[in-house]
Amino acid sequence: MNTMKTEDRLSKKEIMELYQINRKTFESWVVKYNLPLIVISDKRKVVRISDLIKWENGRMSSNKMIDS
């Protein structure tokens, strides 16, 4: 039997608290800056921590500013 391993994830709410941003800014990051969001349901959205780190590093290495 294969067992699927899940990576650690942060919820939309946890990310908003971590970066001290509001919902509008979060959604802007998803659309404008390709924040790698996984939509589980209308009310459940998560980002893999490994994807978030890659996303952050990509923003920093290219010296791209993020506006709200």
PDB file of N, CA and C in Angstrom:
ATOM      1  N   MET A   1       0.830  -1.174   0.000  1.00  0.00           N
ATOM      2  CA  MET A   1       0.000   0.000   0.000  1.00  0.00           C
ATOM      3  C   MET A   1       0.883   1.249   0.000  1.00  0.00           C
ATOM      4  N   ASN A   2       0.589   2.195  -0.904  1.00  0.00           N
ATOM      5  CA  ASN A   2       1.309   3.458  -0.960  1.00  0.00           C
ATOM      6  C   ASN A   2       0.689   4.444   0.022  1.00  0.00           C
ATOM      7  N   THR A   3       1.551   5.104   0.758  1.00  0.00           N
ATOM      8  CA  THR A   3       1.054   6.158   1.636  1.00  0.00           C
ATOM      9  C   THR A   3       1.560   7.490   1.111  1.00  0.00           C
ATOM     10  N   MET A   4       0.665   8.418   0.995  1.00  0.00           N
ATOM     11  CA  MET A   4       1.025   9.724   0.489  1.00  0.00           C
ATOM     12  C   MET A   4       1.510  10.599   1.632  1.00  0.00           C
ATOM     13  N   LYS A   5       2.672  11.207   1.433  1.00  0.00           N
ATOM     14  CA  LYS A   5       3.190  12.125   2.439  1.00  0.00           C
ATOM     15  C   LYS A   5       2.759  13.540   2.066  1.00  0.00           C
ATOM     16  N   THR A   6       2.324  14.268   3.051  1.00  0.00           N
ATOM     17  CA  THR A   6       1.957  15.655   2.794  1.00  0.00           C
ATOM     18  C   THR A   6       3.034  16.562   3.364  1.00  0.00           C
ATOM     19  N   GLU A   7       3.317  17.607   2.628  1.00  0.00           N
ATOM     20  CA  GLU A   7       4.286  18.583   3.091  1.00  0.00           C
ATOM     21  C   GLU A   7       3.617  19.543   4.061  1.00  0.00           C
ATOM     22  N   ASP A   8       4.432  20.172   4.867  1.00  0.00           N
ATOM     23  CA  ASP A   8       3.898  21.186   5.768  1.00  0.00           C
ATOM     24  C   ASP A   8       3.331  22.331   4.953  1.00  0.00           C
ATOM     25  N   ARG A   9       2.222  22.845   5.404  1.00  0.00           N
ATOM     26  CA  ARG A   9       1.513  23.904   4.690  1.00  0.00           C
ATOM     27  C   ARG A   9       1.092  24.991   5.648  1.00  0.00           C
ATOM     28  N   LEU A  10       0.900  26.178   5.086  1.00  0.00           N
ATOM     29  CA  LEU A  10       0.347  27.297   5.837  1.00  0.00           C
ATOM     30  C   LEU A  10      -0.988  27.668   5.222  1.00  0.00           C
ATOM     31  N   SER A  11      -1.944  27.981   6.062  1.00  0.00           N
ATOM     32  CA  SER A  11      -3.239  28.413   5.567  1.00  0.00           C
ATOM     33  C   SER A  11      -3.158  29.870   5.117  1.00  0.00           C
ATOM     34  N   LYS A  12      -4.153  30.283   4.385  1.00  0.00           N
ATOM     35  CA  LYS A  12      -4.258  31.686   3.955  1.00  0.00           C
ATOM     36  C   LYS A  12      -4.190  32.596   5.182  1.00  0.00           C
ATOM     37  N   LYS A  13      -4.928  32.247   6.217  1.00  0.00           N
ATOM     38  CA  LYS A  13      -4.957  33.045   7.446  1.00  0.00           C
ATOM     39  C   LYS A  13      -3.571  33.127   8.088  1.00  0.00           C
ATOM     40  N   GLU A  14      -2.862  32.002   8.133  1.00  0.00           N
ATOM     41  CA  GLU A  14      -1.529  31.987   8.732  1.00  0.00           C
ATOM     42  C   GLU A  14      -0.554  32.867   7.944  1.00  0.00           C
ATOM     43  N   ILE A  15      -0.665  32.832   6.630  1.00  0.00           N
ATOM     44  CA  ILE A  15       0.211  33.666   5.797  1.00  0.00           C
ATOM     45  C   ILE A  15      -0.109  35.144   6.003  1.00  0.00           C
ATOM     46  N   MET A  16      -1.393  35.472   6.078  1.00  0.00           N
ATOM     47  CA  MET A  16      -1.789  36.864   6.306  1.00  0.00           C
ATOM     48  C   MET A  16      -1.258  37.352   7.657  1.00  0.00           C
ATOM     49  N   GLU A  17      -1.290  36.506   8.663  1.00  0.00           N
ATOM     50  CA  GLU A  17      -0.756  36.875   9.977  1.00  0.00           C
ATOM     51  C   GLU A  17       0.766  36.984   9.940  1.00  0.00           C
ATOM     52  N   LEU A  18       1.425  36.060   9.259  1.00  0.00           N
ATOM     53  CA  LEU A  18       2.881  36.045   9.164  1.00  0.00           C
ATOM     54  C   LEU A  18       3.412  37.324   8.524  1.00  0.00           C
ATOM     55  N   TYR A  19       2.793  37.740   7.433  1.00  0.00           N
ATOM     56  CA  TYR A  19       3.251  38.925   6.709  1.00  0.00           C
ATOM     57  C   TYR A  19       2.516  40.200   7.120  1.00  0.00           C
ATOM     58  N   GLN A  20       1.572  40.077   8.022  1.00  0.00           N
ATOM     59  CA  GLN A  20       0.765  41.206   8.497  1.00  0.00           C
ATOM     60  C   GLN A  20       0.111  41.945   7.324  1.00  0.00           C
ATOM     61  N   ILE A  21      -0.603  41.163   6.510  1.00  0.00           N
ATOM     62  CA  ILE A  21      -1.308  41.708   5.352  1.00  0.00           C
ATOM     63  C   ILE A  21      -2.793  41.391   5.460  1.00  0.00           C
ATOM     64  N   ASN A  22      -3.592  42.093   4.690  1.00  0.00           N
ATOM     65  CA  ASN A  22      -5.028  41.824   4.689  1.00  0.00           C
ATOM     66  C   ASN A  22      -5.391  40.896   3.522  1.00  0.00           C
ATOM     67  N   ARG A  23      -6.656  40.529   3.444  1.00  0.00           N
ATOM     68  CA  ARG A  23      -7.133  39.599   2.425  1.00  0.00           C
ATOM     69  C   ARG A  23      -6.908  40.141   1.012  1.00  0.00           C
ATOM     70  N   LYS A  24      -7.152  41.414   0.827  1.00  0.00           N
ATOM     71  CA  LYS A  24      -6.985  42.027  -0.496  1.00  0.00           C
ATOM     72  C   LYS A  24      -5.529  41.926  -0.970  1.00  0.00           C
ATOM     73  N   THR A  25      -4.606  42.198  -0.079  1.00  0.00           N
ATOM     74  CA  THR A  25      -3.179  42.092  -0.424  1.00  0.00           C
ATOM     75  C   THR A  25      -2.809  40.644  -0.723  1.00  0.00           C
ATOM     76  N   PHE A  26      -3.289  39.718   0.086  1.00  0.00           N
ATOM     77  CA  PHE A  26      -3.011  38.299  -0.152  1.00  0.00           C
ATOM     78  C   PHE A  26      -3.478  37.895  -1.548  1.00  0.00           C
ATOM     79  N   GLU A  27      -4.708  38.246  -1.885  1.00  0.00           N
ATOM     80  CA  GLU A  27      -5.248  37.877  -3.193  1.00  0.00           C
ATOM     81  C   GLU A  27      -4.487  38.554  -4.330  1.00  0.00           C
ATOM     82  N   SER A  28      -4.010  39.756  -4.092  1.00  0.00           N
ATOM     83  CA  SER A  28      -3.187  40.454  -5.077  1.00  0.00           C
ATOM     84  C   SER A  28      -1.877  39.701  -5.307  1.00  0.00           C
ATOM     85  N   TRP A  29      -1.265  39.202  -4.235  1.00  0.00           N
ATOM     86  CA  TRP A  29      -0.031  38.444  -4.366  1.00  0.00           C
ATOM     87  C   TRP A  29      -0.241  37.176  -5.190  1.00  0.00           C
ATOM     88  N   VAL A  30      -1.389  36.544  -5.018  1.00  0.00           N
ATOM     89  CA  VAL A  30      -1.690  35.329  -5.777  1.00  0.00           C
ATOM     90  C   VAL A  30      -1.817  35.664  -7.268  1.00  0.00           C
ATOM     91  N   VAL A  31      -2.547  36.724  -7.581  1.00  0.00           N
ATOM     92  CA  VAL A  31      -2.812  37.072  -8.981  1.00  0.00           C
ATOM     93  C   VAL A  31      -1.612  37.760  -9.637  1.00  0.00           C
ATOM     94  N   LYS A  32      -1.077  38.795  -8.990  1.00  0.00           N
ATOM     95  CA  LYS A  32      -0.032  39.617  -9.610  1.00  0.00           C
ATOM     96  C   LYS A  32       1.362  39.016  -9.493  1.00  0.00           C
ATOM     97  N   TYR A  33       1.613  38.285  -8.408  1.00  0.00           N
ATOM     98  CA  TYR A  33       2.962  37.805  -8.133  1.00  0.00           C
ATOM     99  C   TYR A  33       3.068  36.283  -8.083  1.00  0.00           C
ATOM    100  N   ASN A  34       2.014  35.606  -8.506  1.00  0.00           N
ATOM    101  CA  ASN A  34       2.015  34.141  -8.623  1.00  0.00           C
ATOM    102  C   ASN A  34       2.366  33.402  -7.337  1.00  0.00           C
ATOM    103  N   LEU A  35       1.833  33.879  -6.214  1.00  0.00           N
ATOM    104  CA  LEU A  35       1.984  33.126  -4.969  1.00  0.00           C
ATOM    105  C   LEU A  35       1.334  31.758  -5.185  1.00  0.00           C
ATOM    106  N   PRO A  36       2.081  30.665  -4.968  1.00  0.00           N
ATOM    107  CA  PRO A  36       1.595  29.324  -5.320  1.00  0.00           C
ATOM    108  C   PRO A  36       0.536  28.768  -4.364  1.00  0.00           C
ATOM    109  N   LEU A  37      -0.685  29.137  -4.598  1.00  0.00           N
ATOM    110  CA  LEU A  37      -1.810  28.779  -3.736  1.00  0.00           C
ATOM    111  C   LEU A  37      -2.436  27.452  -4.161  1.00  0.00           C
ATOM    112  N   ILE A  38      -2.744  26.618  -3.186  1.00  0.00           N
ATOM    113  CA  ILE A  38      -3.483  25.379  -3.422  1.00  0.00           C
ATOM    114  C   ILE A  38      -4.894  25.591  -2.886  1.00  0.00           C
ATOM    115  N   VAL A  39      -5.882  25.479  -3.754  1.00  0.00           N
ATOM    116  CA  VAL A  39      -7.274  25.672  -3.351  1.00  0.00           C
ATOM    117  C   VAL A  39      -7.871  24.308  -3.029  1.00  0.00           C
ATOM    118  N   ILE A  40      -8.142  24.078  -1.770  1.00  0.00           N
ATOM    119  CA  ILE A  40      -8.746  22.823  -1.321  1.00  0.00           C
ATOM    120  C   ILE A  40     -10.263  22.915  -1.484  1.00  0.00           C
ATOM    121  N   SER A  41     -10.809  24.055  -1.090  1.00  0.00           N
ATOM    122  CA  SER A  41     -12.239  24.338  -1.221  1.00  0.00           C
ATOM    123  C   SER A  41     -12.397  25.852  -1.218  1.00  0.00           C
ATOM    124  N   ASP A  42     -13.629  26.319  -1.325  1.00  0.00           N
ATOM    125  CA  ASP A  42     -13.859  27.767  -1.297  1.00  0.00           C
ATOM    126  C   ASP A  42     -13.316  28.411  -0.024  1.00  0.00           C
ATOM    127  N   LYS A  43     -13.364  27.673   1.057  1.00  0.00           N
ATOM    128  CA  LYS A  43     -12.947  28.230   2.341  1.00  0.00           C
ATOM    129  C   LYS A  43     -11.587  27.729   2.819  1.00  0.00           C
ATOM    130  N   ARG A  44     -10.979  26.820   2.082  1.00  0.00           N
ATOM    131  CA  ARG A  44      -9.698  26.238   2.520  1.00  0.00           C
ATOM    132  C   ARG A  44      -8.651  26.417   1.426  1.00  0.00           C
ATOM    133  N   LYS A  45      -7.689  27.305   1.696  1.00  0.00           N
ATOM    134  CA  LYS A  45      -6.610  27.590   0.752  1.00  0.00           C
ATOM    135  C   LYS A  45      -5.301  27.518   1.518  1.00  0.00           C
ATOM    136  N   VAL A  46      -4.311  26.852   0.939  1.00  0.00           N
ATOM    137  CA  VAL A  46      -3.029  26.659   1.610  1.00  0.00           C
ATOM    138  C   VAL A  46      -1.876  26.874   0.637  1.00  0.00           C
ATOM    139  N   VAL A  47      -0.701  27.061   1.208  1.00  0.00           N
ATOM    140  CA  VAL A  47       0.534  27.156   0.441  1.00  0.00           C
ATOM    141  C   VAL A  47       1.541  26.232   1.112  1.00  0.00           C
ATOM    142  N   ARG A  48       2.204  25.401   0.305  1.00  0.00           N
ATOM    143  CA  ARG A  48       3.270  24.558   0.861  1.00  0.00           C
ATOM    144  C   ARG A  48       4.395  25.475   1.333  1.00  0.00           C
ATOM    145  N   ILE A  49       4.957  25.170   2.499  1.00  0.00           N
ATOM    146  CA  ILE A  49       6.044  25.993   3.026  1.00  0.00           C
ATOM    147  C   ILE A  49       7.219  26.002   2.058  1.00  0.00           C
ATOM    148  N   SER A  50       7.524  24.871   1.459  1.00  0.00           N
ATOM    149  CA  SER A  50       8.638  24.823   0.503  1.00  0.00           C
ATOM    150  C   SER A  50       8.369  25.720  -0.701  1.00  0.00           C
ATOM    151  N   ASP A  51       7.120  25.774  -1.172  1.00  0.00           N
ATOM    152  CA  ASP A  51       6.762  26.656  -2.289  1.00  0.00           C
ATOM    153  C   ASP A  51       6.842  28.123  -1.876  1.00  0.00           C
ATOM    154  N   LEU A  52       6.446  28.420  -0.639  1.00  0.00           N
ATOM    155  CA  LEU A  52       6.501  29.792  -0.146  1.00  0.00           C
ATOM    156  C   LEU A  52       7.950  30.275  -0.082  1.00  0.00           C
ATOM    157  N   ILE A  53       8.837  29.426   0.387  1.00  0.00           N
ATOM    158  CA  ILE A  53      10.261  29.784   0.475  1.00  0.00           C
ATOM    159  C   ILE A  53      10.827  30.030  -0.921  1.00  0.00           C
ATOM    160  N   LYS A  54      10.506  29.162  -1.874  1.00  0.00           N
ATOM    161  CA  LYS A  54      10.963  29.358  -3.263  1.00  0.00           C
ATOM    162  C   LYS A  54      10.418  30.663  -3.826  1.00  0.00           C
ATOM    163  N   TRP A  55       9.144  30.945  -3.539  1.00  0.00           N
ATOM    164  CA  TRP A  55       8.509  32.168  -4.020  1.00  0.00           C
ATOM    165  C   TRP A  55       9.212  33.394  -3.433  1.00  0.00           C
ATOM    166  N   GLU A  56       9.479  33.358  -2.122  1.00  0.00           N
ATOM    167  CA  GLU A  56      10.186  34.468  -1.467  1.00  0.00           C
ATOM    168  C   GLU A  56      11.575  34.655  -2.074  1.00  0.00           C
ATOM    169  N   ASN A  57      12.306  33.566  -2.237  1.00  0.00           N
ATOM    170  CA  ASN A  57      13.658  33.642  -2.781  1.00  0.00           C
ATOM    171  C   ASN A  57      13.655  34.197  -4.207  1.00  0.00           C
ATOM    172  N   GLY A  58      12.670  33.797  -4.997  1.00  0.00           N
ATOM    173  CA  GLY A  58      12.544  34.318  -6.353  1.00  0.00           C
ATOM    174  C   GLY A  58      12.279  35.813  -6.358  1.00  0.00           C
ATOM    175  N   ARG A  59      11.484  36.281  -5.423  1.00  0.00           N
ATOM    176  CA  ARG A  59      11.189  37.715  -5.328  1.00  0.00           C
ATOM    177  C   ARG A  59      12.447  38.470  -4.905  1.00  0.00           C
ATOM    178  N   MET A  60      13.211  37.900  -3.971  1.00  0.00           N
ATOM    179  CA  MET A  60      14.405  38.582  -3.478  1.00  0.00           C
ATOM    180  C   MET A  60      15.534  38.557  -4.505  1.00  0.00           C
ATOM    181  N   SER A  61      15.743  37.411  -5.154  1.00  0.00           N
ATOM    182  CA  SER A  61      16.853  37.289  -6.085  1.00  0.00           C
ATOM    183  C   SER A  61      16.680  38.166  -7.319  1.00  0.00           C
ATOM    184  N   SER A  62      15.440  38.401  -7.683  1.00  0.00           N
ATOM    185  CA  SER A  62      15.201  39.259  -8.851  1.00  0.00           C
ATOM    186  C   SER A  62      14.992  40.707  -8.423  1.00  0.00           C
ATOM    187  N   ASN A  63      15.083  40.953  -7.105  1.00  0.00           N
ATOM    188  CA  ASN A  63      14.944  42.294  -6.552  1.00  0.00           C
ATOM    189  C   ASN A  63      13.619  42.933  -6.930  1.00  0.00           C
ATOM    190  N   LYS A  64      12.568  42.124  -7.000  1.00  0.00           N
ATOM    191  CA  LYS A  64      11.228  42.607  -7.364  1.00  0.00           C
ATOM    192  C   LYS A  64      10.518  43.097  -6.111  1.00  0.00           C
ATOM    193  N   MET A  65       9.981  44.265  -6.190  1.00  0.00           N
ATOM    194  CA  MET A  65       9.214  44.818  -5.076  1.00  0.00           C
ATOM    195  C   MET A  65       7.799  44.274  -5.129  1.00  0.00           C
ATOM    196  N   ILE A  66       7.223  44.089  -3.979  1.00  0.00           N
ATOM    197  CA  ILE A  66       5.823  43.652  -3.879  1.00  0.00           C
ATOM    198  C   ILE A  66       5.033  44.822  -3.314  1.00  0.00           C
ATOM    199  N   ASP A  67       4.014  45.226  -4.062  1.00  0.00           N
ATOM    200  CA  ASP A  67       3.143  46.269  -3.548  1.00  0.00           C
ATOM    201  C   ASP A  67       1.799  45.652  -3.231  1.00  0.00           C
ATOM    202  N   SER A  68       1.050  46.296  -2.392  1.00  0.00           N
ATOM    203  CA  SER A  68      -0.232  45.748  -1.956  1.00  0.00           C
ATOM    204  C   SER A  68      -1.279  45.953  -2.964  1.00  0.00           C
TER     205      SER A  68
END
